[in-house]
N, C-alpha and C. Protein backbone atom coordinates (compact mmCIF):
# COMPACT_ATOMS: atom_id res chain seq x y z
N MET A 1 15.90 20.00 -20.43
CA MET A 1 14.89 20.99 -20.12
C MET A 1 15.16 21.50 -18.71
N SER A 2 15.43 22.77 -18.59
CA SER A 2 15.68 23.35 -17.27
C SER A 2 14.69 24.48 -17.05
N ILE A 3 13.97 24.38 -15.96
CA ILE A 3 12.94 25.38 -15.67
C ILE A 3 13.35 26.12 -14.42
N ASP A 4 13.34 27.44 -14.50
CA ASP A 4 13.66 28.25 -13.33
C ASP A 4 12.41 28.36 -12.49
N ALA A 5 12.30 27.54 -11.48
CA ALA A 5 11.10 27.50 -10.65
C ALA A 5 11.43 27.87 -9.22
N THR A 6 12.16 28.96 -9.05
CA THR A 6 12.60 29.34 -7.72
C THR A 6 11.45 29.77 -6.83
N VAL A 7 10.30 30.01 -7.40
CA VAL A 7 9.16 30.44 -6.59
C VAL A 7 8.30 29.29 -6.11
N ALA A 8 8.58 28.09 -6.58
CA ALA A 8 7.72 26.96 -6.25
C ALA A 8 8.04 26.41 -4.86
N PRO A 9 7.04 26.24 -4.02
CA PRO A 9 7.26 25.67 -2.70
C PRO A 9 7.50 24.17 -2.81
N CYS A 10 7.82 23.58 -1.69
CA CYS A 10 8.05 22.13 -1.70
C CYS A 10 6.77 21.40 -2.11
N LYS A 11 6.94 20.12 -2.41
CA LYS A 11 5.84 19.31 -2.94
C LYS A 11 4.64 19.26 -2.01
N CYS A 12 4.90 19.31 -0.70
CA CYS A 12 3.80 19.15 0.25
C CYS A 12 3.03 20.44 0.48
N ASP A 13 3.42 21.53 -0.18
CA ASP A 13 2.75 22.83 -0.04
C ASP A 13 2.75 23.35 1.40
N CYS A 14 3.74 22.95 2.16
CA CYS A 14 3.83 23.43 3.54
C CYS A 14 4.65 24.71 3.59
N ALA A 15 4.95 25.18 4.76
CA ALA A 15 5.71 26.41 4.91
C ALA A 15 7.16 26.13 5.31
N CYS A 16 7.68 24.97 4.92
CA CYS A 16 9.03 24.59 5.33
C CYS A 16 10.10 25.40 4.62
N GLY A 17 9.77 26.04 3.52
CA GLY A 17 10.72 26.89 2.82
C GLY A 17 11.58 26.15 1.81
N GLU A 18 11.50 24.83 1.73
CA GLU A 18 12.29 24.08 0.76
C GLU A 18 11.70 24.26 -0.64
N GLN A 19 12.57 24.22 -1.63
CA GLN A 19 12.13 24.35 -3.01
C GLN A 19 11.92 22.97 -3.62
N ALA A 20 10.90 22.84 -4.43
CA ALA A 20 10.63 21.59 -5.12
C ALA A 20 11.65 21.41 -6.24
N THR A 21 11.97 20.18 -6.55
CA THR A 21 12.86 19.91 -7.68
C THR A 21 12.07 20.04 -8.97
N GLU A 22 12.80 20.14 -10.07
CA GLU A 22 12.15 20.23 -11.38
C GLU A 22 11.31 18.98 -11.63
N ALA A 23 11.82 17.83 -11.24
CA ALA A 23 11.08 16.57 -11.44
C ALA A 23 9.78 16.59 -10.63
N GLU A 24 9.82 17.07 -9.40
CA GLU A 24 8.61 17.15 -8.57
C GLU A 24 7.59 18.10 -9.18
N LEU A 25 8.06 19.20 -9.73
CA LEU A 25 7.16 20.17 -10.36
C LEU A 25 6.49 19.55 -11.59
N MET A 26 7.26 18.80 -12.36
CA MET A 26 6.70 18.17 -13.55
C MET A 26 5.69 17.08 -13.18
N VAL A 27 5.91 16.38 -12.08
CA VAL A 27 4.93 15.39 -11.60
C VAL A 27 3.63 16.11 -11.24
N ARG A 28 3.75 17.24 -10.57
CA ARG A 28 2.56 18.02 -10.22
C ARG A 28 1.82 18.47 -11.48
N LEU A 29 2.59 18.90 -12.50
CA LEU A 29 1.98 19.32 -13.76
C LEU A 29 1.23 18.15 -14.41
N GLU A 30 1.81 16.98 -14.41
CA GLU A 30 1.15 15.80 -14.98
C GLU A 30 -0.17 15.52 -14.27
N GLU A 31 -0.17 15.68 -12.94
CA GLU A 31 -1.40 15.46 -12.17
C GLU A 31 -2.48 16.46 -12.57
N VAL A 32 -2.09 17.70 -12.81
CA VAL A 32 -3.04 18.74 -13.22
C VAL A 32 -3.59 18.42 -14.60
N ILE A 33 -2.72 18.05 -15.52
CA ILE A 33 -3.16 17.71 -16.88
C ILE A 33 -4.15 16.55 -16.82
N GLU A 34 -3.81 15.53 -16.06
CA GLU A 34 -4.68 14.35 -15.93
C GLU A 34 -6.06 14.75 -15.38
N GLU A 35 -6.06 15.64 -14.39
CA GLU A 35 -7.33 16.05 -13.77
C GLU A 35 -8.21 16.87 -14.71
N TYR A 36 -7.61 17.73 -15.56
CA TYR A 36 -8.39 18.69 -16.34
C TYR A 36 -8.53 18.37 -17.82
N ARG A 37 -7.77 17.42 -18.35
CA ARG A 37 -7.76 17.22 -19.81
C ARG A 37 -9.13 16.84 -20.38
N GLU A 38 -9.95 16.13 -19.64
CA GLU A 38 -11.25 15.69 -20.15
C GLU A 38 -12.39 16.64 -19.77
N LYS A 39 -12.11 17.63 -18.96
CA LYS A 39 -13.15 18.57 -18.54
C LYS A 39 -13.33 19.66 -19.59
N GLU A 40 -14.59 19.97 -19.86
CA GLU A 40 -14.88 21.06 -20.79
C GLU A 40 -14.32 22.36 -20.20
N GLY A 41 -13.56 23.09 -21.00
CA GLY A 41 -12.95 24.33 -20.53
C GLY A 41 -11.79 24.10 -19.57
N GLY A 42 -11.25 22.89 -19.54
CA GLY A 42 -10.21 22.54 -18.58
C GLY A 42 -8.85 23.16 -18.86
N LEU A 43 -8.63 23.66 -20.08
CA LEU A 43 -7.33 24.23 -20.42
C LEU A 43 -6.99 25.43 -19.55
N ILE A 44 -7.93 26.34 -19.38
CA ILE A 44 -7.64 27.56 -18.62
C ILE A 44 -7.32 27.25 -17.15
N PRO A 45 -8.12 26.46 -16.44
CA PRO A 45 -7.73 26.14 -15.07
C PRO A 45 -6.39 25.40 -15.00
N ALA A 46 -6.12 24.55 -15.98
CA ALA A 46 -4.84 23.85 -15.99
C ALA A 46 -3.68 24.83 -16.15
N LEU A 47 -3.86 25.81 -17.02
CA LEU A 47 -2.83 26.85 -17.20
C LEU A 47 -2.67 27.67 -15.92
N GLN A 48 -3.79 28.00 -15.28
CA GLN A 48 -3.71 28.78 -14.04
C GLN A 48 -2.95 28.01 -12.96
N ILE A 49 -3.24 26.75 -12.81
CA ILE A 49 -2.57 25.95 -11.79
C ILE A 49 -1.10 25.78 -12.15
N ALA A 50 -0.82 25.55 -13.43
CA ALA A 50 0.57 25.41 -13.87
C ALA A 50 1.35 26.68 -13.58
N GLN A 51 0.73 27.83 -13.81
CA GLN A 51 1.40 29.09 -13.52
C GLN A 51 1.65 29.25 -12.03
N THR A 52 0.73 28.77 -11.21
CA THR A 52 0.93 28.81 -9.76
C THR A 52 2.10 27.90 -9.37
N ILE A 53 2.18 26.75 -9.98
CA ILE A 53 3.25 25.80 -9.67
C ILE A 53 4.62 26.35 -10.05
N PHE A 54 4.73 26.90 -11.27
CA PHE A 54 6.02 27.31 -11.80
C PHE A 54 6.31 28.80 -11.63
N GLY A 55 5.28 29.59 -11.34
CA GLY A 55 5.46 31.03 -11.22
C GLY A 55 5.26 31.76 -12.53
N TYR A 56 5.29 31.01 -13.63
CA TYR A 56 5.06 31.53 -14.98
C TYR A 56 4.87 30.32 -15.88
N LEU A 57 4.74 30.54 -17.19
CA LEU A 57 4.49 29.43 -18.11
C LEU A 57 5.65 29.32 -19.11
N PRO A 58 6.72 28.64 -18.71
CA PRO A 58 7.87 28.48 -19.61
C PRO A 58 7.55 27.52 -20.76
N ASP A 59 8.36 27.56 -21.80
CA ASP A 59 8.13 26.74 -22.99
C ASP A 59 7.92 25.25 -22.69
N PRO A 60 8.75 24.62 -21.86
CA PRO A 60 8.52 23.19 -21.62
C PRO A 60 7.15 22.89 -21.01
N VAL A 61 6.66 23.79 -20.18
CA VAL A 61 5.35 23.61 -19.55
C VAL A 61 4.24 23.79 -20.59
N VAL A 62 4.36 24.81 -21.42
CA VAL A 62 3.37 25.05 -22.47
C VAL A 62 3.35 23.86 -23.44
N ASN A 63 4.53 23.37 -23.80
CA ASN A 63 4.61 22.22 -24.71
C ASN A 63 3.94 20.99 -24.10
N ARG A 64 4.17 20.74 -22.82
CA ARG A 64 3.59 19.57 -22.15
C ARG A 64 2.08 19.69 -22.03
N ILE A 65 1.61 20.89 -21.71
CA ILE A 65 0.16 21.12 -21.62
C ILE A 65 -0.49 20.94 -22.99
N ALA A 66 0.14 21.48 -24.03
CA ALA A 66 -0.41 21.33 -25.38
C ALA A 66 -0.54 19.85 -25.73
N ALA A 67 0.51 19.09 -25.47
CA ALA A 67 0.47 17.66 -25.78
C ALA A 67 -0.58 16.95 -24.92
N GLY A 68 -0.66 17.31 -23.65
CA GLY A 68 -1.61 16.68 -22.74
C GLY A 68 -3.06 16.96 -23.09
N PHE A 69 -3.32 18.10 -23.71
CA PHE A 69 -4.68 18.47 -24.09
C PHE A 69 -4.94 18.21 -25.58
N ASN A 70 -3.95 17.58 -26.25
CA ASN A 70 -4.07 17.28 -27.67
C ASN A 70 -4.35 18.55 -28.49
N LYS A 71 -3.60 19.59 -28.18
CA LYS A 71 -3.71 20.86 -28.90
C LYS A 71 -2.34 21.24 -29.43
N THR A 72 -2.31 22.14 -30.40
CA THR A 72 -1.02 22.62 -30.89
C THR A 72 -0.46 23.63 -29.88
N VAL A 73 0.84 23.78 -29.91
CA VAL A 73 1.49 24.76 -29.03
C VAL A 73 0.95 26.16 -29.35
N SER A 74 0.72 26.45 -30.63
CA SER A 74 0.22 27.78 -30.99
C SER A 74 -1.19 28.03 -30.46
N GLU A 75 -2.03 26.99 -30.37
CA GLU A 75 -3.36 27.14 -29.77
C GLU A 75 -3.24 27.52 -28.29
N VAL A 76 -2.39 26.81 -27.57
CA VAL A 76 -2.21 27.08 -26.15
C VAL A 76 -1.56 28.46 -25.95
N ALA A 77 -0.57 28.78 -26.78
CA ALA A 77 0.08 30.09 -26.70
C ALA A 77 -0.92 31.20 -26.98
N GLY A 78 -1.86 30.96 -27.88
CA GLY A 78 -2.90 31.96 -28.17
C GLY A 78 -3.78 32.23 -26.97
N VAL A 79 -4.13 31.18 -26.23
CA VAL A 79 -4.93 31.35 -25.01
C VAL A 79 -4.13 32.15 -23.99
N ILE A 80 -2.85 31.80 -23.84
CA ILE A 80 -1.99 32.49 -22.87
C ILE A 80 -1.87 33.97 -23.20
N SER A 81 -1.67 34.28 -24.47
CA SER A 81 -1.50 35.69 -24.85
C SER A 81 -2.81 36.47 -24.77
N PHE A 82 -3.95 35.80 -24.91
CA PHE A 82 -5.24 36.48 -24.85
C PHE A 82 -5.56 36.97 -23.44
N TYR A 83 -5.25 36.16 -22.44
CA TYR A 83 -5.59 36.50 -21.05
C TYR A 83 -4.41 37.17 -20.36
N SER A 84 -4.62 38.36 -19.86
CA SER A 84 -3.52 39.16 -19.30
C SER A 84 -2.95 38.59 -18.01
N PHE A 85 -3.67 37.70 -17.33
CA PHE A 85 -3.15 37.18 -16.07
C PHE A 85 -2.13 36.07 -16.28
N PHE A 86 -1.98 35.58 -17.51
CA PHE A 86 -0.95 34.58 -17.79
C PHE A 86 0.34 35.29 -18.18
N THR A 87 1.46 34.69 -17.81
CA THR A 87 2.74 35.26 -18.19
C THR A 87 3.68 34.17 -18.65
N ARG A 88 4.43 34.45 -19.70
CA ARG A 88 5.45 33.53 -20.21
C ARG A 88 6.82 33.86 -19.62
N ASN A 89 6.89 34.95 -18.86
CA ASN A 89 8.16 35.38 -18.27
C ASN A 89 8.10 35.21 -16.76
N PRO A 90 9.23 34.87 -16.15
CA PRO A 90 9.24 34.77 -14.69
C PRO A 90 8.85 36.11 -14.07
N ARG A 91 8.04 36.04 -13.05
CA ARG A 91 7.63 37.26 -12.33
C ARG A 91 8.49 37.42 -11.09
N GLY A 92 8.59 38.66 -10.67
CA GLY A 92 9.34 38.94 -9.46
C GLY A 92 8.52 38.64 -8.22
N LYS A 93 9.18 38.74 -7.11
CA LYS A 93 8.52 38.53 -5.82
C LYS A 93 7.39 39.54 -5.64
N TYR A 94 7.60 40.74 -6.15
CA TYR A 94 6.59 41.80 -6.04
C TYR A 94 6.11 42.17 -7.44
N LEU A 95 4.81 42.02 -7.66
CA LEU A 95 4.19 42.42 -8.92
C LEU A 95 3.63 43.83 -8.74
N VAL A 96 4.24 44.78 -9.44
CA VAL A 96 3.83 46.19 -9.37
C VAL A 96 2.95 46.45 -10.58
N ARG A 97 1.70 46.84 -10.32
CA ARG A 97 0.77 47.15 -11.40
C ARG A 97 0.31 48.60 -11.26
N VAL A 98 0.44 49.34 -12.34
CA VAL A 98 0.04 50.75 -12.37
C VAL A 98 -1.24 50.87 -13.16
N CYS A 99 -2.24 51.49 -12.57
CA CYS A 99 -3.51 51.69 -13.26
C CYS A 99 -3.36 52.81 -14.28
N LEU A 100 -3.77 52.53 -15.51
CA LEU A 100 -3.80 53.56 -16.55
C LEU A 100 -5.22 53.70 -17.11
N GLY A 101 -6.21 53.39 -16.27
CA GLY A 101 -7.60 53.67 -16.64
C GLY A 101 -7.75 55.18 -16.77
N THR A 102 -8.87 55.63 -17.26
CA THR A 102 -9.06 57.05 -17.56
C THR A 102 -8.77 57.96 -16.37
N ALA A 103 -9.36 57.71 -15.22
CA ALA A 103 -9.16 58.59 -14.06
C ALA A 103 -7.70 58.60 -13.63
N CYS A 104 -7.08 57.44 -13.56
CA CYS A 104 -5.68 57.37 -13.15
C CYS A 104 -4.77 58.04 -14.17
N TYR A 105 -5.05 57.82 -15.44
CA TYR A 105 -4.24 58.42 -16.50
C TYR A 105 -4.31 59.94 -16.42
N VAL A 106 -5.53 60.47 -16.30
CA VAL A 106 -5.73 61.92 -16.25
C VAL A 106 -5.07 62.54 -15.01
N ARG A 107 -5.07 61.80 -13.92
CA ARG A 107 -4.50 62.32 -12.67
C ARG A 107 -3.02 61.98 -12.47
N GLY A 108 -2.34 61.57 -13.54
CA GLY A 108 -0.89 61.40 -13.46
C GLY A 108 -0.39 59.97 -13.46
N GLY A 109 -1.24 59.02 -13.82
CA GLY A 109 -0.82 57.62 -13.84
C GLY A 109 0.36 57.35 -14.77
N LYS A 110 0.39 58.01 -15.91
CA LYS A 110 1.48 57.82 -16.87
C LYS A 110 2.80 58.29 -16.26
N GLU A 111 2.77 59.40 -15.53
CA GLU A 111 3.99 59.90 -14.89
C GLU A 111 4.44 58.98 -13.76
N VAL A 112 3.48 58.40 -13.03
CA VAL A 112 3.80 57.42 -11.99
C VAL A 112 4.47 56.21 -12.63
N LEU A 113 3.91 55.74 -13.73
CA LEU A 113 4.48 54.60 -14.44
C LEU A 113 5.92 54.91 -14.87
N GLU A 114 6.14 56.07 -15.44
CA GLU A 114 7.48 56.44 -15.89
C GLU A 114 8.46 56.49 -14.72
N ALA A 115 8.02 57.00 -13.57
CA ALA A 115 8.88 57.06 -12.39
C ALA A 115 9.24 55.66 -11.89
N ILE A 116 8.28 54.75 -11.94
CA ILE A 116 8.54 53.37 -11.52
C ILE A 116 9.49 52.69 -12.50
N LYS A 117 9.27 52.89 -13.79
CA LYS A 117 10.16 52.31 -14.80
C LYS A 117 11.59 52.79 -14.58
N LYS A 118 11.72 54.06 -14.31
CA LYS A 118 13.06 54.63 -14.08
C LYS A 118 13.68 54.06 -12.81
N ARG A 119 12.91 53.97 -11.74
CA ARG A 119 13.43 53.48 -10.45
C ARG A 119 13.83 52.02 -10.52
N LEU A 120 13.00 51.19 -11.17
CA LEU A 120 13.28 49.76 -11.24
C LEU A 120 14.19 49.39 -12.41
N GLU A 121 14.35 50.33 -13.34
CA GLU A 121 15.16 50.11 -14.54
C GLU A 121 14.64 48.94 -15.38
N ILE A 122 13.31 48.86 -15.49
CA ILE A 122 12.66 47.87 -16.34
C ILE A 122 11.50 48.53 -17.07
N ASP A 123 11.00 47.86 -18.08
CA ASP A 123 9.84 48.35 -18.81
C ASP A 123 8.64 47.48 -18.44
N VAL A 124 7.48 47.88 -18.90
CA VAL A 124 6.26 47.11 -18.66
C VAL A 124 6.44 45.71 -19.24
N GLY A 125 6.05 44.71 -18.45
CA GLY A 125 6.17 43.33 -18.88
C GLY A 125 7.50 42.70 -18.52
N GLU A 126 8.39 43.45 -17.90
CA GLU A 126 9.71 42.93 -17.54
C GLU A 126 9.82 42.70 -16.04
N THR A 127 10.88 41.98 -15.69
CA THR A 127 11.20 41.67 -14.30
C THR A 127 12.63 42.10 -14.03
N THR A 128 12.88 42.63 -12.85
CA THR A 128 14.25 43.03 -12.51
C THR A 128 15.15 41.80 -12.50
N GLU A 129 16.44 42.02 -12.73
CA GLU A 129 17.39 40.91 -12.79
C GLU A 129 17.40 40.08 -11.51
N ASP A 130 17.17 40.72 -10.36
CA ASP A 130 17.19 39.99 -9.09
C ASP A 130 15.86 39.30 -8.80
N ARG A 131 14.93 39.39 -9.73
CA ARG A 131 13.60 38.79 -9.62
C ARG A 131 12.81 39.29 -8.41
N GLN A 132 13.08 40.52 -8.00
CA GLN A 132 12.33 41.11 -6.91
C GLN A 132 11.06 41.79 -7.41
N PHE A 133 11.11 42.45 -8.57
CA PHE A 133 9.98 43.24 -9.07
C PHE A 133 9.64 42.91 -10.52
N SER A 134 8.35 42.86 -10.80
CA SER A 134 7.83 42.80 -12.16
C SER A 134 6.89 43.99 -12.32
N LEU A 135 6.81 44.52 -13.53
CA LEU A 135 6.00 45.71 -13.77
C LEU A 135 4.95 45.43 -14.84
N GLU A 136 3.71 45.76 -14.50
CA GLU A 136 2.60 45.61 -15.43
C GLU A 136 1.69 46.83 -15.35
N VAL A 137 0.81 46.93 -16.32
CA VAL A 137 -0.17 48.01 -16.39
C VAL A 137 -1.56 47.40 -16.28
N GLY A 138 -2.45 48.08 -15.57
CA GLY A 138 -3.84 47.66 -15.49
C GLY A 138 -4.72 48.75 -16.08
N ARG A 139 -5.97 48.43 -16.35
CA ARG A 139 -6.87 49.42 -16.96
C ARG A 139 -7.86 50.03 -15.98
N CYS A 140 -8.19 49.35 -14.91
CA CYS A 140 -9.03 49.95 -13.88
C CYS A 140 -9.02 49.04 -12.66
N PHE A 141 -8.70 49.62 -11.52
CA PHE A 141 -8.67 48.86 -10.27
C PHE A 141 -9.88 49.17 -9.40
N GLY A 142 -10.80 49.97 -9.92
CA GLY A 142 -12.04 50.27 -9.19
C GLY A 142 -11.87 51.27 -8.07
N ALA A 143 -10.82 52.09 -8.13
CA ALA A 143 -10.58 53.09 -7.09
C ALA A 143 -10.37 54.46 -7.75
N CYS A 144 -11.23 54.77 -8.70
CA CYS A 144 -11.06 55.98 -9.51
C CYS A 144 -11.01 57.26 -8.69
N GLY A 145 -11.74 57.29 -7.59
CA GLY A 145 -11.75 58.48 -6.74
C GLY A 145 -10.44 58.69 -5.99
N MET A 146 -9.59 57.68 -6.00
CA MET A 146 -8.30 57.75 -5.30
C MET A 146 -7.13 57.73 -6.29
N ALA A 147 -7.39 58.08 -7.53
CA ALA A 147 -6.39 58.02 -8.59
C ALA A 147 -5.25 59.03 -8.35
N PRO A 148 -4.07 58.68 -8.86
CA PRO A 148 -3.66 57.44 -9.50
C PRO A 148 -3.38 56.33 -8.49
N VAL A 149 -3.60 55.09 -8.95
CA VAL A 149 -3.51 53.93 -8.07
C VAL A 149 -2.42 52.98 -8.58
N VAL A 150 -1.68 52.42 -7.61
CA VAL A 150 -0.67 51.40 -7.89
C VAL A 150 -0.96 50.22 -6.97
N MET A 151 -0.85 49.02 -7.51
CA MET A 151 -0.97 47.82 -6.67
C MET A 151 0.39 47.13 -6.63
N VAL A 152 0.78 46.69 -5.44
CA VAL A 152 1.96 45.86 -5.28
C VAL A 152 1.45 44.56 -4.68
N ASN A 153 1.52 43.50 -5.48
CA ASN A 153 0.87 42.23 -5.15
C ASN A 153 -0.60 42.52 -4.86
N ASP A 154 -1.09 42.30 -3.65
CA ASP A 154 -2.51 42.53 -3.35
C ASP A 154 -2.77 43.83 -2.61
N ASP A 155 -1.74 44.63 -2.37
CA ASP A 155 -1.89 45.88 -1.64
C ASP A 155 -2.08 47.05 -2.60
N THR A 156 -3.06 47.91 -2.30
CA THR A 156 -3.37 49.05 -3.16
C THR A 156 -2.83 50.33 -2.53
N TYR A 157 -2.18 51.14 -3.37
CA TYR A 157 -1.64 52.44 -2.94
C TYR A 157 -2.36 53.50 -3.75
N GLN A 158 -2.96 54.46 -3.02
CA GLN A 158 -3.80 55.46 -3.66
C GLN A 158 -3.14 56.82 -3.67
N ARG A 159 -3.57 57.65 -4.63
CA ARG A 159 -3.05 59.01 -4.78
C ARG A 159 -1.52 59.02 -4.81
N VAL A 160 -0.99 58.12 -5.60
CA VAL A 160 0.47 57.96 -5.70
C VAL A 160 1.05 59.12 -6.51
N LYS A 161 2.15 59.65 -6.03
CA LYS A 161 2.84 60.75 -6.70
C LYS A 161 4.19 60.25 -7.22
N PRO A 162 4.57 60.67 -8.42
CA PRO A 162 5.87 60.25 -8.96
C PRO A 162 7.04 60.55 -8.01
N ALA A 163 6.99 61.65 -7.31
CA ALA A 163 8.07 62.04 -6.41
C ALA A 163 8.20 61.09 -5.21
N ARG A 164 7.18 60.27 -4.95
CA ARG A 164 7.19 59.37 -3.79
C ARG A 164 7.45 57.90 -4.16
N ILE A 165 7.79 57.67 -5.42
CA ILE A 165 8.00 56.29 -5.89
C ILE A 165 9.15 55.62 -5.15
N ASN A 166 10.25 56.35 -4.91
CA ASN A 166 11.39 55.75 -4.20
C ASN A 166 10.97 55.23 -2.83
N GLU A 167 10.14 55.99 -2.13
CA GLU A 167 9.65 55.56 -0.81
C GLU A 167 8.78 54.31 -0.94
N LEU A 168 7.91 54.30 -1.93
CA LEU A 168 7.03 53.15 -2.14
C LEU A 168 7.85 51.89 -2.40
N ILE A 169 8.78 51.97 -3.33
CA ILE A 169 9.59 50.81 -3.70
C ILE A 169 10.50 50.38 -2.55
N ALA A 170 11.01 51.33 -1.80
CA ALA A 170 11.93 51.02 -0.69
C ALA A 170 11.30 50.10 0.34
N GLN A 171 9.99 50.15 0.49
CA GLN A 171 9.29 49.27 1.44
C GLN A 171 9.47 47.79 1.11
N PHE A 172 9.77 47.50 -0.14
CA PHE A 172 9.80 46.12 -0.60
C PHE A 172 11.19 45.59 -0.91
N ILE A 173 12.17 46.46 -0.82
CA ILE A 173 13.53 46.03 -1.12
C ILE A 173 14.05 45.18 0.02
N THR A 174 14.49 43.99 -0.31
CA THR A 174 14.97 43.04 0.68
C THR A 174 16.38 43.43 1.10
N GLU A 175 16.53 43.64 2.39
CA GLU A 175 17.85 43.94 2.93
C GLU A 175 18.66 42.65 2.95
N GLU A 176 19.99 42.78 2.85
CA GLU A 176 20.85 41.61 2.97
C GLU A 176 20.76 41.06 4.38
N GLU A 177 20.84 39.73 4.48
CA GLU A 177 20.84 39.08 5.79
C GLU A 177 22.07 39.54 6.56
N PRO A 178 21.96 39.84 7.85
CA PRO A 178 23.15 40.22 8.61
C PRO A 178 24.10 39.03 8.72
N ALA A 179 25.41 39.34 8.69
CA ALA A 179 26.41 38.28 8.79
C ALA A 179 26.35 37.63 10.16
N ALA A 180 26.59 36.34 10.19
CA ALA A 180 26.61 35.63 11.48
C ALA A 180 27.80 36.12 12.29
N GLU A 181 27.72 35.97 13.58
CA GLU A 181 28.77 36.44 14.46
C GLU A 181 30.11 35.88 14.01
N GLY A 182 31.10 36.76 13.90
CA GLY A 182 32.44 36.34 13.52
C GLY A 182 32.67 36.38 12.02
N GLU A 183 31.63 36.57 11.19
CA GLU A 183 31.81 36.64 9.75
C GLU A 183 32.04 38.07 9.35
N ASN A 184 32.81 38.26 8.28
CA ASN A 184 33.03 39.59 7.73
C ASN A 184 32.06 39.83 6.59
N LYS A 185 31.64 41.05 6.44
CA LYS A 185 30.73 41.41 5.34
C LYS A 185 31.52 41.80 4.12
């Protein structure tokens, strides 16, 4: 079982920048299952915490949670698919969400979405190969007067125009680290 958990911080949850091993992540998952398995409604918080630990809910994690809660994998998968905040796919560093609620849609949200899809070369629900960007759609972000609206992680961008998508995305593109003195690029 190999889990791509490149987003998981070290076990101590500090800012040291080290990545936790797969074994450490699974120990954390076991602790979560133990804490929530007997609580009424404990499955959803356990899934939320597991997603925070792993960055998404891969098959081995879903299987372990199902066994830990004495549920079938299909029952747990049904809960995951019902709630839009759960994901079975790895997410990128930047989660780009385009509002397609009525006001945003009428004011060009669909065109904004198409421009983002073209720029990132992914579709809704996908993540770029470099795991920098994931693309999702929302139904209302509560900023109808500023439509169309795009959120990147927790930041909201209002009155977004398709022609300005390259500028918006460029803010988040990670530049390559400069070569150390004496190294060739």
